[in-house]
N, C-alpha and C. Protein backbone atom coordinates (compact mmCIF):
# COMPACT_ATOMS: atom_id res chain seq x y z
N MET A 1 0.83 -1.19 0.00
CA MET A 1 0.00 0.00 0.00
C MET A 1 0.87 1.25 0.00
N ALA A 2 0.34 2.29 -0.63
CA ALA A 2 1.07 3.56 -0.70
C ALA A 2 1.19 4.16 0.69
N LYS A 3 2.27 4.87 0.90
CA LYS A 3 2.50 5.48 2.19
C LYS A 3 2.06 6.94 2.16
N ALA A 4 1.30 7.36 3.18
CA ALA A 4 0.84 8.75 3.26
C ALA A 4 1.97 9.64 3.73
N THR A 5 1.93 10.89 3.28
CA THR A 5 2.91 11.84 3.75
C THR A 5 2.48 12.33 5.13
N LYS A 6 3.39 13.02 5.81
CA LYS A 6 3.10 13.53 7.15
C LYS A 6 1.85 14.42 7.09
N ASN A 7 0.97 14.28 8.06
CA ASN A 7 -0.28 15.05 8.17
C ASN A 7 -1.28 14.74 7.06
N GLU A 8 -1.12 13.62 6.37
CA GLU A 8 -2.03 13.27 5.29
C GLU A 8 -2.52 11.84 5.50
N ALA A 9 -3.81 11.69 5.74
CA ALA A 9 -4.38 10.35 5.90
C ALA A 9 -4.72 9.78 4.54
N ARG A 10 -4.51 8.51 4.38
CA ARG A 10 -4.88 7.86 3.12
C ARG A 10 -6.39 7.62 3.12
N ILE A 11 -6.95 7.62 1.93
CA ILE A 11 -8.36 7.29 1.73
C ILE A 11 -8.39 5.97 0.99
N PHE A 12 -9.26 5.07 1.44
CA PHE A 12 -9.39 3.75 0.83
C PHE A 12 -10.73 3.65 0.14
N ILE A 13 -10.77 2.88 -0.95
CA ILE A 13 -12.00 2.64 -1.68
C ILE A 13 -12.24 1.13 -1.72
N ALA A 14 -13.51 0.74 -1.61
CA ALA A 14 -13.86 -0.68 -1.56
C ALA A 14 -13.58 -1.38 -2.88
N LYS A 15 -13.00 -2.58 -2.81
CA LYS A 15 -12.76 -3.41 -3.99
C LYS A 15 -13.91 -4.39 -4.19
N GLU A 16 -14.67 -4.64 -3.11
CA GLU A 16 -15.76 -5.61 -3.15
C GLU A 16 -17.02 -5.00 -2.54
N THR A 17 -18.18 -5.50 -2.95
CA THR A 17 -19.44 -5.11 -2.34
C THR A 17 -19.74 -6.13 -1.25
N PHE A 18 -20.08 -5.64 -0.07
CA PHE A 18 -20.40 -6.52 1.05
C PHE A 18 -21.19 -5.76 2.09
N SER A 19 -21.77 -6.50 3.03
CA SER A 19 -22.44 -5.87 4.17
C SER A 19 -21.80 -6.39 5.44
N THR A 20 -21.84 -5.57 6.48
CA THR A 20 -21.20 -5.92 7.74
C THR A 20 -21.84 -5.10 8.86
N VAL A 21 -21.34 -5.28 10.04
CA VAL A 21 -21.79 -4.48 11.19
C VAL A 21 -20.55 -3.76 11.73
N VAL A 22 -20.66 -2.44 11.89
CA VAL A 22 -19.57 -1.63 12.42
C VAL A 22 -20.09 -0.85 13.61
N ASP A 23 -19.45 -1.03 14.74
CA ASP A 23 -19.85 -0.34 15.97
C ASP A 23 -21.34 -0.51 16.26
N GLY A 24 -21.85 -1.72 15.99
CA GLY A 24 -23.24 -2.04 16.30
C GLY A 24 -24.26 -1.62 15.25
N SER A 25 -23.81 -1.02 14.16
CA SER A 25 -24.73 -0.58 13.10
C SER A 25 -24.46 -1.33 11.81
N PRO A 26 -25.53 -1.75 11.11
CA PRO A 26 -25.33 -2.41 9.81
C PRO A 26 -24.80 -1.41 8.78
N VAL A 27 -23.87 -1.89 7.94
CA VAL A 27 -23.26 -1.05 6.92
C VAL A 27 -23.20 -1.84 5.62
N VAL A 28 -23.61 -1.20 4.52
CA VAL A 28 -23.46 -1.80 3.20
C VAL A 28 -22.34 -1.05 2.49
N VAL A 29 -21.38 -1.78 1.98
CA VAL A 29 -20.22 -1.23 1.30
C VAL A 29 -20.33 -1.58 -0.18
N ALA A 30 -20.20 -0.58 -1.05
CA ALA A 30 -20.31 -0.79 -2.49
C ALA A 30 -18.95 -0.68 -3.15
N ALA A 31 -18.60 -1.68 -3.93
CA ALA A 31 -17.33 -1.69 -4.65
C ALA A 31 -17.23 -0.47 -5.55
N GLY A 32 -16.07 0.22 -5.49
CA GLY A 32 -15.82 1.37 -6.33
C GLY A 32 -16.55 2.63 -5.90
N VAL A 33 -17.33 2.56 -4.83
CA VAL A 33 -18.12 3.71 -4.38
C VAL A 33 -17.76 4.10 -2.95
N THR A 34 -17.78 3.15 -2.05
CA THR A 34 -17.55 3.43 -0.63
C THR A 34 -16.10 3.80 -0.39
N ARG A 35 -15.92 4.95 0.26
CA ARG A 35 -14.59 5.44 0.61
C ARG A 35 -14.50 5.58 2.11
N VAL A 36 -13.33 5.32 2.66
CA VAL A 36 -13.15 5.39 4.10
C VAL A 36 -11.73 5.86 4.39
N ARG A 37 -11.59 6.67 5.43
CA ARG A 37 -10.28 7.19 5.78
C ARG A 37 -9.48 6.15 6.55
N GLU A 38 -8.19 6.27 6.46
CA GLU A 38 -7.27 5.40 7.19
C GLU A 38 -7.58 5.47 8.67
N GLY A 39 -7.61 4.34 9.34
CA GLY A 39 -7.86 4.29 10.77
C GLY A 39 -9.32 4.10 11.15
N HIS A 40 -10.23 4.18 10.19
CA HIS A 40 -11.66 4.01 10.47
C HIS A 40 -11.94 2.56 10.87
N SER A 41 -12.89 2.37 11.76
CA SER A 41 -13.18 1.02 12.26
C SER A 41 -13.71 0.09 11.16
N LEU A 42 -14.26 0.62 10.09
CA LEU A 42 -14.73 -0.22 8.98
C LEU A 42 -13.57 -1.00 8.34
N LEU A 43 -12.38 -0.44 8.37
CA LEU A 43 -11.21 -1.11 7.78
C LEU A 43 -10.69 -2.26 8.64
N ARG A 44 -10.87 -2.16 9.94
CA ARG A 44 -10.28 -3.13 10.87
C ARG A 44 -10.70 -4.55 10.52
N GLY A 45 -9.75 -5.37 10.13
CA GLY A 45 -10.00 -6.76 9.77
C GLY A 45 -10.54 -6.93 8.36
N ARG A 46 -10.72 -5.83 7.64
CA ARG A 46 -11.26 -5.89 6.28
C ARG A 46 -10.34 -5.18 5.28
N GLU A 47 -9.11 -4.96 5.68
CA GLU A 47 -8.17 -4.21 4.85
C GLU A 47 -8.05 -4.80 3.45
N HIS A 48 -8.14 -6.12 3.34
CA HIS A 48 -8.00 -6.79 2.05
C HIS A 48 -9.15 -6.47 1.09
N MET A 49 -10.24 -5.90 1.59
CA MET A 49 -11.40 -5.58 0.76
C MET A 49 -11.36 -4.14 0.24
N PHE A 50 -10.29 -3.43 0.56
CA PHE A 50 -10.11 -2.04 0.15
C PHE A 50 -8.75 -1.85 -0.49
N GLU A 51 -8.62 -0.77 -1.24
CA GLU A 51 -7.33 -0.38 -1.78
C GLU A 51 -7.19 1.13 -1.64
N VAL A 52 -5.96 1.60 -1.65
CA VAL A 52 -5.71 3.04 -1.52
C VAL A 52 -6.30 3.73 -2.75
N MET A 53 -7.06 4.77 -2.51
CA MET A 53 -7.66 5.52 -3.59
C MET A 53 -6.62 6.45 -4.20
N ARG A 54 -6.52 6.42 -5.51
CA ARG A 54 -5.58 7.27 -6.23
C ARG A 54 -6.37 8.37 -6.92
N VAL A 55 -5.86 9.58 -6.85
CA VAL A 55 -6.50 10.70 -7.51
C VAL A 55 -5.51 11.30 -8.49
N ASP A 56 -5.92 11.39 -9.74
CA ASP A 56 -5.10 12.01 -10.77
C ASP A 56 -5.82 13.26 -11.22
N TYR A 57 -5.20 14.40 -11.00
CA TYR A 57 -5.79 15.67 -11.38
C TYR A 57 -5.29 16.06 -12.76
N GLU A 58 -6.23 16.41 -13.64
CA GLU A 58 -5.85 16.95 -14.93
C GLU A 58 -5.49 18.41 -14.71
N VAL A 59 -4.40 18.84 -15.29
CA VAL A 59 -3.94 20.20 -15.08
C VAL A 59 -4.11 20.97 -16.39
N GLU A 60 -4.81 22.08 -16.30
CA GLU A 60 -5.03 22.92 -17.47
C GLU A 60 -4.05 24.08 -17.42
N GLN A 61 -3.54 24.46 -18.58
CA GLN A 61 -2.64 25.60 -18.67
C GLN A 61 -3.39 26.85 -18.23
N MET A 62 -2.83 27.62 -17.30
CA MET A 62 -3.52 28.76 -16.74
C MET A 62 -3.31 30.04 -17.53
N THR A 63 -2.23 30.16 -18.27
CA THR A 63 -1.96 31.40 -19.00
C THR A 63 -1.81 31.10 -20.47
N ASN A 64 -2.05 32.10 -21.28
CA ASN A 64 -1.90 31.95 -22.72
C ASN A 64 -0.44 32.15 -23.11
N ALA A 65 -0.01 31.38 -24.08
CA ALA A 65 1.32 31.58 -24.65
C ALA A 65 1.24 32.81 -25.55
N PRO A 66 2.36 33.44 -25.88
CA PRO A 66 2.33 34.61 -26.76
C PRO A 66 1.58 34.30 -28.05
N GLY A 67 0.59 35.12 -28.37
CA GLY A 67 -0.20 34.96 -29.58
C GLY A 67 -1.33 33.95 -29.47
N GLU A 68 -1.45 33.30 -28.34
CA GLU A 68 -2.49 32.28 -28.15
C GLU A 68 -3.69 32.92 -27.43
N HIS A 69 -4.87 32.50 -27.81
CA HIS A 69 -6.09 32.99 -27.17
C HIS A 69 -6.82 31.82 -26.54
N ARG A 70 -7.42 32.06 -25.37
CA ARG A 70 -8.19 31.02 -24.69
C ARG A 70 -9.30 30.54 -25.62
N GLY A 71 -9.45 29.26 -25.70
CA GLY A 71 -10.53 28.70 -26.51
C GLY A 71 -10.19 28.53 -27.98
N ASP A 72 -8.93 28.83 -28.37
CA ASP A 72 -8.52 28.64 -29.77
C ASP A 72 -8.70 27.18 -30.13
N ARG A 73 -9.23 26.95 -31.29
CA ARG A 73 -9.41 25.58 -31.76
C ARG A 73 -8.54 25.31 -33.00
N SER A 74 -7.62 26.22 -33.28
CA SER A 74 -6.77 26.07 -34.46
C SER A 74 -5.62 25.15 -34.23
């Protein structure tokens, strides 16, 4: 698993759909949908059912190059 940087908790996403009981309450976990922070009781004993969530941000150029206009389609 990826290692979090200092002051940054990892977020996990479910790999499988399942139901369970956490702290006395029923919980339904959906694969690819349910996210949980590192250290949450839902992970305890179920780590194999989750994976570290990866986020890839698309970066858009913020300024125009010389002679370029925003929205140019040429």
